[in-house]
C-alpha atoms as a PDB file:
ATOM      1  CA  MET A   1     -29.322  39.671  32.301  1.00  0.00           C
ATOM      2  CA  GLU A   2     -28.822  37.629  29.119  1.00  0.00           C
ATOM      3  CA  THR A   3     -25.918  35.191  29.095  1.00  0.00           C
ATOM      4  CA  GLU A   4     -23.935  34.490  25.953  1.00  0.00           C
ATOM      5  CA  GLN A   5     -24.321  30.931  24.714  1.00  0.00           C
ATOM      6  CA  VAL A   6     -21.058  29.037  24.292  1.00  0.00           C
ATOM      7  CA  GLU A   7     -20.731  27.267  20.944  1.00  0.00           C
ATOM      8  CA  MET A   8     -19.693  23.664  21.554  1.00  0.00           C
ATOM      9  CA  VAL A   9     -18.080  21.204  19.138  1.00  0.00           C
ATOM     10  CA  ASP A  10     -17.533  17.465  19.283  1.00  0.00           C
ATOM     11  CA  VAL A  11     -13.956  16.413  20.043  1.00  0.00           C
ATOM     12  CA  VAL A  12     -12.933  13.325  18.074  1.00  0.00           C
ATOM     13  CA  ASP A  13     -10.115  10.769  18.140  1.00  0.00           C
ATOM     14  CA  ILE A  14      -7.691   9.980  15.302  1.00  0.00           C
ATOM     15  CA  HIS A  15     -10.355   7.739  13.736  1.00  0.00           C
ATOM     16  CA  ASN A  16     -12.962  10.566  13.766  1.00  0.00           C
ATOM     17  CA  ASN A  17     -15.001   8.965  16.578  1.00  0.00           C
ATOM     18  CA  ILE A  18     -16.592  11.367  19.057  1.00  0.00           C
ATOM     19  CA  ILE A  19     -14.833  11.210  22.420  1.00  0.00           C
ATOM     20  CA  GLY A  20     -16.022  14.406  24.097  1.00  0.00           C
ATOM     21  CA  GLU A  21     -16.925  18.033  23.614  1.00  0.00           C
ATOM     22  CA  ALA A  22     -15.273  21.421  24.022  1.00  0.00           C
ATOM     23  CA  PRO A  23     -16.047  25.099  23.474  1.00  0.00           C
ATOM     24  CA  ARG A  24     -15.322  26.165  19.882  1.00  0.00           C
ATOM     25  CA  LYS A  25     -13.367  29.159  21.087  1.00  0.00           C
ATOM     26  CA  GLY A  26      -9.881  27.972  21.914  1.00  0.00           C
ATOM     27  CA  ILE A  27     -10.142  24.551  20.286  1.00  0.00           C
ATOM     28  CA  HIS A  28      -7.302  25.328  17.859  1.00  0.00           C
ATOM     29  CA  GLU A  29      -4.993  26.536  20.622  1.00  0.00           C
ATOM     30  CA  LYS A  30      -5.575  23.274  22.503  1.00  0.00           C
ATOM     31  CA  HIS A  31      -4.878  21.223  19.316  1.00  0.00           C
ATOM     32  CA  LEU A  32      -8.028  19.133  19.829  1.00  0.00           C
ATOM     33  CA  LEU A  33      -9.232  17.060  16.890  1.00  0.00           C
ATOM     34  CA  HIS A  34     -12.662  18.161  15.681  1.00  0.00           C
ATOM     35  CA  ARG A  35     -14.829  18.434  12.548  1.00  0.00           C
ATOM     36  CA  ALA A  36     -15.418  21.120   9.937  1.00  0.00           C
ATOM     37  CA  ALA A  37     -17.221  21.533   6.632  1.00  0.00           C
ATOM     38  CA  HIS A  38     -15.973  23.490   3.601  1.00  0.00           C
ATOM     39  CA  ILE A  39     -18.231  24.368   0.695  1.00  0.00           C
ATOM     40  CA  PHE A  40     -17.278  25.596  -2.780  1.00  0.00           C
ATOM     41  CA  LEU A  41     -20.170  27.527  -4.361  1.00  0.00           C
ATOM     42  CA  VAL A  42     -19.867  27.343  -8.148  1.00  0.00           C
ATOM     43  CA  ASP A  43     -22.042  29.243 -10.631  1.00  0.00           C
ATOM     44  CA  SER A  44     -23.304  27.928 -13.975  1.00  0.00           C
ATOM     45  CA  SER A  45     -20.271  29.453 -15.731  1.00  0.00           C
ATOM     46  CA  GLY A  46     -17.903  27.473 -13.505  1.00  0.00           C
ATOM     47  CA  ARG A  47     -16.823  30.488 -11.470  1.00  0.00           C
ATOM     48  CA  LEU A  48     -16.063  29.845  -7.816  1.00  0.00           C
ATOM     49  CA  TRP A  49     -17.108  32.189  -5.023  1.00  0.00           C
ATOM     50  CA  ILE A  50     -14.250  32.731  -2.593  1.00  0.00           C
ATOM     51  CA  GLU A  51     -14.236  34.844   0.528  1.00  0.00           C
ATOM     52  CA  LYS A  52     -11.491  37.011   1.928  1.00  0.00           C
ATOM     53  CA  ARG A  53     -11.421  36.385   5.665  1.00  0.00           C
ATOM     54  CA  GLY A  54     -11.937  39.348   7.970  1.00  0.00           C
ATOM     55  CA  LYS A  55      -9.169  40.797  10.112  1.00  0.00           C
ATOM     56  CA  THR A  56     -10.729  39.580  13.398  1.00  0.00           C
ATOM     57  CA  VAL A  57     -11.138  35.842  12.702  1.00  0.00           C
ATOM     58  CA  ASP A  58      -9.220  33.263  14.788  1.00  0.00           C
ATOM     59  CA  THR A  59      -7.039  31.881  12.010  1.00  0.00           C
ATOM     60  CA  ASN A  60      -5.636  33.247   8.751  1.00  0.00           C
ATOM     61  CA  PRO A  61      -7.129  36.763   8.898  1.00  0.00           C
ATOM     62  CA  GLY A  62      -7.097  38.475   5.493  1.00  0.00           C
ATOM     63  CA  TYR A  63      -6.558  35.210   3.580  1.00  0.00           C
ATOM     64  CA  TYR A  64      -8.768  33.908   0.779  1.00  0.00           C
ATOM     65  CA  ASP A  65     -10.860  30.885   1.749  1.00  0.00           C
ATOM     66  CA  SER A  66     -13.720  28.599   0.692  1.00  0.00           C
ATOM     67  CA  SER A  67     -17.125  30.029  -0.226  1.00  0.00           C
ATOM     68  CA  ALA A  68     -18.389  28.922   3.183  1.00  0.00           C
ATOM     69  CA  ALA A  69     -16.696  26.981   5.954  1.00  0.00           C
ATOM     70  CA  GLY A  70     -17.040  26.339   9.619  1.00  0.00           C
ATOM     71  CA  HIS A  71     -16.938  23.992  12.530  1.00  0.00           C
ATOM     72  CA  VAL A  72     -19.479  21.221  12.828  1.00  0.00           C
ATOM     73  CA  SER A  73     -21.285  21.924  16.099  1.00  0.00           C
ATOM     74  CA  LYS A  74     -21.783  19.425  18.911  1.00  0.00           C
ATOM     75  CA  GLY A  75     -24.332  16.796  17.913  1.00  0.00           C
ATOM     76  CA  GLU A  76     -24.457  17.825  14.240  1.00  0.00           C
ATOM     77  CA  THR A  77     -23.628  15.640  11.272  1.00  0.00           C
ATOM     78  CA  TYR A  78     -21.307  17.009   8.610  1.00  0.00           C
ATOM     79  CA  ASP A  79     -24.313  17.563   6.328  1.00  0.00           C
ATOM     80  CA  GLU A  80     -26.214  19.482   9.014  1.00  0.00           C
ATOM     81  CA  GLY A  81     -23.154  21.624   9.773  1.00  0.00           C
ATOM     82  CA  ALA A  82     -22.568  22.336   6.090  1.00  0.00           C
ATOM     83  CA  ARG A  83     -26.209  23.376   5.545  1.00  0.00           C
ATOM     84  CA  ARG A  84     -26.060  25.639   8.611  1.00  0.00           C
ATOM     85  CA  GLU A  85     -22.812  27.254   7.433  1.00  0.00           C
ATOM     86  CA  VAL A  86     -24.218  27.883   3.943  1.00  0.00           C
ATOM     87  CA  LEU A  87     -27.265  29.565   5.442  1.00  0.00           C
ATOM     88  CA  GLU A  88     -25.257  31.572   8.028  1.00  0.00           C
ATOM     89  CA  GLU A  89     -22.427  32.629   5.723  1.00  0.00           C
ATOM     90  CA  LEU A  90     -24.040  32.815   2.281  1.00  0.00           C
ATOM     91  CA  GLY A  91     -27.702  33.327   3.141  1.00  0.00           C
ATOM     92  CA  ILE A  92     -28.789  30.767   0.549  1.00  0.00           C
ATOM     93  CA  GLU A  93     -31.462  28.215   1.431  1.00  0.00           C
ATOM     94  CA  GLY A  94     -32.099  24.894  -0.230  1.00  0.00           C
ATOM     95  CA  LEU A  95     -28.763  24.376  -1.958  1.00  0.00           C
ATOM     96  CA  GLU A  96     -27.949  20.826  -2.940  1.00  0.00           C
ATOM     97  CA  LEU A  97     -24.635  20.073  -1.272  1.00  0.00           C
ATOM     98  CA  LYS A  98     -22.634  17.357  -2.980  1.00  0.00           C
ATOM     99  CA  PRO A  99     -20.176  15.734  -0.564  1.00  0.00           C
ATOM    100  CA  VAL A 100     -16.879  15.221  -2.394  1.00  0.00           C
ATOM    101  CA  ARG A 101     -14.463  13.818   0.169  1.00  0.00           C
ATOM    102  CA  THR A 102     -13.377  13.883   3.785  1.00  0.00           C
ATOM    103  CA  ILE A 103      -9.822  14.910   4.613  1.00  0.00           C
ATOM    104  CA  ASP A 104      -8.174  13.516   7.732  1.00  0.00           C
ATOM    105  CA  ALA A 105      -7.225  15.808  10.577  1.00  0.00           C
ATOM    106  CA  ALA A 106      -3.614  16.985  10.559  1.00  0.00           C
ATOM    107  CA  PRO A 107      -1.667  20.071  11.654  1.00  0.00           C
ATOM    108  CA  GLU A 108      -2.175  21.656   8.192  1.00  0.00           C
ATOM    109  CA  THR A 109      -5.970  21.253   8.560  1.00  0.00           C
ATOM    110  CA  ASN A 110      -5.924  22.905  12.013  1.00  0.00           C
ATOM    111  CA  ASN A 111      -6.615  19.451  13.486  1.00  0.00           C
ATOM    112  CA  GLU A 112      -9.941  19.319  11.660  1.00  0.00           C
ATOM    113  CA  PHE A 113     -11.486  16.374   9.844  1.00  0.00           C
ATOM    114  CA  VAL A 114     -12.858  18.308   6.872  1.00  0.00           C
ATOM    115  CA  ARG A 115     -15.815  17.227   4.749  1.00  0.00           C
ATOM    116  CA  PHE A 116     -15.613  18.989   1.384  1.00  0.00           C
ATOM    117  CA  TYR A 117     -18.806  19.868  -0.512  1.00  0.00           C
ATOM    118  CA  ILE A 118     -19.633  21.449  -3.844  1.00  0.00           C
ATOM    119  CA  ALA A 119     -22.844  23.398  -4.412  1.00  0.00           C
ATOM    120  CA  ARG A 120     -24.005  24.843  -7.712  1.00  0.00           C
ATOM    121  CA  SER A 121     -26.145  27.950  -7.893  1.00  0.00           C
ATOM    122  CA  ASP A 122     -26.452  31.306  -9.615  1.00  0.00           C
ATOM    123  CA  LYS A 123     -28.008  32.891  -6.521  1.00  0.00           C
ATOM    124  CA  LEU A 124     -25.911  35.756  -5.190  1.00  0.00           C
ATOM    125  CA  PRO A 125     -24.580  35.051  -1.705  1.00  0.00           C
ATOM    126  CA  ARG A 126     -24.618  37.715   0.949  1.00  0.00           C
ATOM    127  CA  LEU A 127     -21.432  38.855   2.663  1.00  0.00           C
ATOM    128  CA  HIS A 128     -21.374  37.613   6.247  1.00  0.00           C
ATOM    129  CA  GLU A 129     -19.987  39.509   9.214  1.00  0.00           C
ATOM    130  CA  ASP A 130     -16.661  37.638   9.488  1.00  0.00           C
ATOM    131  CA  ALA A 131     -15.712  38.174   5.826  1.00  0.00           C
ATOM    132  CA  ALA A 132     -13.924  41.208   4.407  1.00  0.00           C
ATOM    133  CA  SER A 133     -15.142  40.462   0.866  1.00  0.00           C
ATOM    134  CA  GLN A 134     -16.592  37.761  -1.338  1.00  0.00           C
ATOM    135  CA  GLU A 135     -16.128  37.544  -5.109  1.00  0.00           C
ATOM    136  CA  ARG A 136     -16.426  34.927  -7.812  1.00  0.00           C
ATOM    137  CA  TYR A 137     -13.468  34.028  -9.974  1.00  0.00           C
ATOM    138  CA  THR A 138     -12.709  31.665 -12.801  1.00  0.00           C
ATOM    139  CA  ILE A 139     -10.425  28.748 -11.996  1.00  0.00           C
ATOM    140  CA  GLU A 140      -7.681  30.426 -14.063  1.00  0.00           C
ATOM    141  CA  GLU A 141      -8.059  33.700 -12.119  1.00  0.00           C
ATOM    142  CA  ILE A 142      -7.676  31.825  -8.831  1.00  0.00           C
ATOM    143  CA  LYS A 143      -4.616  29.978 -10.141  1.00  0.00           C
ATOM    144  CA  GLU A 144      -3.122  33.359 -11.126  1.00  0.00           C
ATOM    145  CA  LYS A 145      -3.781  34.785  -7.642  1.00  0.00           C
ATOM    146  CA  ILE A 146      -2.027  31.764  -6.104  1.00  0.00           C
ATOM    147  CA  LYS A 147       0.894  32.097  -8.538  1.00  0.00           C
ATOM    148  CA  ASN A 148       1.195  35.805  -7.675  1.00  0.00           C
ATOM    149  CA  GLY A 149       1.599  34.963  -3.996  1.00  0.00           C
ATOM    150  CA  GLU A 150      -1.776  36.159  -2.739  1.00  0.00           C
ATOM    151  CA  LYS A 151      -2.589  34.578   0.608  1.00  0.00           C
ATOM    152  CA  PHE A 152      -4.934  31.594   0.685  1.00  0.00           C
ATOM    153  CA  THR A 153      -5.667  29.387   3.676  1.00  0.00           C
ATOM    154  CA  PRO A 154      -3.790  26.065   3.605  1.00  0.00           C
ATOM    155  CA  MET A 155      -7.130  24.227   3.635  1.00  0.00           C
ATOM    156  CA  PHE A 156      -8.400  26.159   0.613  1.00  0.00           C
ATOM    157  CA  LEU A 157      -5.211  25.351  -1.320  1.00  0.00           C
ATOM    158  CA  LYS A 158      -5.607  21.654  -0.504  1.00  0.00           C
ATOM    159  CA  LEU A 159      -9.283  21.625  -1.526  1.00  0.00           C
ATOM    160  CA  PHE A 160      -8.662  23.726  -4.638  1.00  0.00           C
ATOM    161  CA  ALA A 161      -5.944  21.325  -5.813  1.00  0.00           C
ATOM    162  CA  TYR A 162      -8.314  18.408  -5.325  1.00  0.00           C
ATOM    163  CA  TYR A 163     -11.152  20.295  -7.049  1.00  0.00           C
ATOM    164  CA  ASN A 164      -8.926  20.925 -10.077  1.00  0.00           C
ATOM    165  CA  GLU A 165      -7.896  17.255 -10.243  1.00  0.00           C
ATOM    166  CA  THR A 166     -11.539  16.132 -10.248  1.00  0.00           C
ATOM    167  CA  LEU A 167     -13.088  19.086 -12.128  1.00  0.00           C
ATOM    168  CA  PRO A 168     -13.965  17.119 -15.291  1.00  0.00           C
ATOM    169  CA  SER A 169     -16.106  14.714 -13.232  1.00  0.00           C
ATOM    170  CA  GLN A 170     -17.915  17.395 -11.214  1.00  0.00           C
END
């Protein structure tokens, strides 16, 4: 009989130092501080791929979110976690991931320290199993969706605002 492997994540303190480990499932309910990576995939025309989260995900089902995002697994660096998430969620190998900034853990980040990355590519990502859809939009189209009250994850809104502030230098 095959046993299901439990995905583990590093638990960190308020200074982002590893202090333990816990199963990924349930980490949000326990309000444990941990790490995540979010990646914006941008094509050569400046369009951003965003995913619509599936109905069965732990948090914010049906909301728009980053191109790829996920927890950094136990023992991984942010860069390793980001590369794994890009491969798992987008199916794209060899992307250059540019780290942009790290956001401190807080209730609005689901108690995650989030490392934000930008990747540029015209390769078409695949739709992964936890996503309802994935489309690319211009920055203005995304702003219009936000203005019209479409649902975006709080983390995406925070990252998108930062992305827009720094867009000329990207």
